[in-house]
Amino acid sequence: MKNTRAPVLSLLLLALIKAPVSNGSPASEPLHLNSNYGPDTPIVTISPPNQVYFVGADVTMSCSAQSNPPAVYQWAFNGVYYNGSGSELAINLLQLDNTGNYTCRAYNNITHRYAVVTQELSVVAPITTVAVSPNQAQPIENKAFSLSCDVSGTADSMRWLKDGQPLSTNERITLSGENSTVSFNPVLQSDNGTYQCVASDLISVMVSLGYTLVVNYGPEQVSISGPDAYPVDSTASFTCAALSHPPCEYTWLFNGKEIAQGSVFTISPVMPASVGSYTCEAFNSVTGKKASSSGKEFQLTTNVSQPTVRSNVTNPVEFNDTVSLTCTAYGSAVSYRWFNGSSVLSDSERIHLSDDNKTLTIPRVLRSDDGTLYCYVFNVASNSTSEPFHLVVNYGPDAPVVIISPPNQVYFVGVDLTMSCSAQSYPPAIYQWAFNGFYFKELASALSITQLSMDNAGSFTCRAYNNITHRYAVVTQELSVVAPITTVAVSPNQAQPIENKTFSLSCDVSGTAYSMRWLKDGQPLSTNERITLSEENSTVSFNPVLQSDNGTYQCLASDPISAMISPGYKLIFNNPNGSASLASGHAVEVVIAVLVLLLCVSG
């Protein structure tokens, strides 16, 4: 314990000695009082100053404490004091066994007091190598396995990487308390990868080389590939395969008796005695496991016959029927393949094949499915192709189309024409014509009419019928027949038009007029409440007639391809109070302009 009373007492005594006497006489010579104290708590410094020291380094520890007279120092290591004394302790070429607690004791041989301090020194070996080692030579699936991190030097921490990424742990993959070991309980194929250990101390880090973990497993899924049959005197080969690491050893059995070793087994030549059941056994010498394939039955082949193709439908109808074509051939171990021309057919949205390829099915056939199909059969001994099967899909009729020759919008009385009807159909459609709903007895795609008359105007219907699909379609064509306009004349309803009385003019046409219009003095007639036209413009009425109506009137009659204008009718009404200068209704000479009408008729 530090003694604080002695220095205080010494100072008080010294003050009393130096104080002057009360009577003013000079002071005595000073008296030097030497007080003994200490030692106080020592302080230890280490050179060079570090937290830890590597093996082979030199260090010096110095100890000091406040003390009078100066303290005597003695050092101890882990509680055992060295012989000799001194305030410094030098250690050259540090070793790992220099790690521990160093105690400095300061002692005052006058006060007979002492004080101690302890300093911990950490000595480490630098990390020189890091390596990963397994606890057993062969990791086996579903058994325990572990990897250890072996470090040369002193590692403060260790961590694990798998394929360059921090290792994830779980209930199955665990680490030891200091991370020096990773354990797999059990190890699985998913643990395959490259493992590394990262070791570090306070000033350096080192990563081990990668350890490639490949878990041994199997054999699993043992299978035999090869033909089911071969012809006599040929060579047949079978291959056995299994999922396994490392690769398996294979043993072949024929009807239960061991006959050969290796993954490939060959029969040469094939004989009747070769017929039977072949089995392959796979063995993994590391896992110690064995597994067998199912038995492969081997037969002798016979040549395939020429196949025949049969359809479930005789006359398939578009949209209605699902066509199934079945290929039949005789022989052993026959395989089937279908061709459309030279193209191999496979499953698609339109075509479905059975598992053994014997049957080809086309649901709801379309006309686009028409084609020539072949069935090709084969085995290891021979092959053959069927006769061509022509798939013909019956369809239609689609909507008919009528063409009239010559093509016009309307036809004049007396001309000849032919109406032709056609429709997409297989087999070709049968055609029948009807006029205004009444069918003719004759069946034909064309209907000819000579010397058209007005009675021929109306609706002509063509009906197309398919006697296989039992479907029909119709189209109706309107035929317009007109009599050509030969004369146009204007006639009054009475001989004498009288002012303020009713009067009318009629347009008399020989032929068929599609439209009529009136001219006055060569200009279109203006109508109003007093001057009106009948519904078809055949009559113009004046109610009443006035002097202002005087003039020359004409009627223009037209059909779709021609027009004709009447001679002029000069209207001069009689005044009841006087006589007219010219009697109404007298013929007048009228110069009629030539009217040219251009008509475009679409066919």
Foldseek 3Di string as FASTA:
>chain_A
DWDDPQVVVQVVVQVVQPDDDPVPDDHDDHDDDDTWTDFDAKDKDKPPDDPAAEAQAKMKIFIATDTVVFWWKWKAWPPHTDPDTDRMDIDGRDDQVSFGKMKIKTADPVVRDIHMDIDTYHYKHDWDAWAKDKPDDAQAAQAKIKIFIDTDIDFPAKFKDWQNHGDDDDPQWDAPPRRRMIMGNRDHQVSFTWMKMWTHDPPDIDIHDTDTHGHWYDFADWEKDWDQAEAFQCKTKIFIDGDTPPFWKKFKDFPRHTDDTDRMDMDGGDDQVSFGWMKMKTADPVNRDIDIYDTRTHYYKDWKDAKDKDWPDDAAAAQPDKIKIFIDIDMPPKAKWKDFVNHTDDDDPQWDADPRRRMIIGGRDDQVPFTWMKMKMDDNVYIHIYDTDTDGYWYDFDAKDKDKPPDFPAAEAFAKIKIFIAGDTVPGWWKWKDFPPHTDPDIDRMDIDGRHDQVRFGKMKIKTADPVNRDIHMDIDGYHYWHDWDAWAKDKPDQAQEAQAKIKIFIDIDIDFPAKFKDWQNHGDDADPQWDAPPRRGMIMGNHDHQVPFTWMKMWTHDQADIDIHFTATDGHAYPVDGDPDRHPDDDHGDDDDDDDDHDTDD
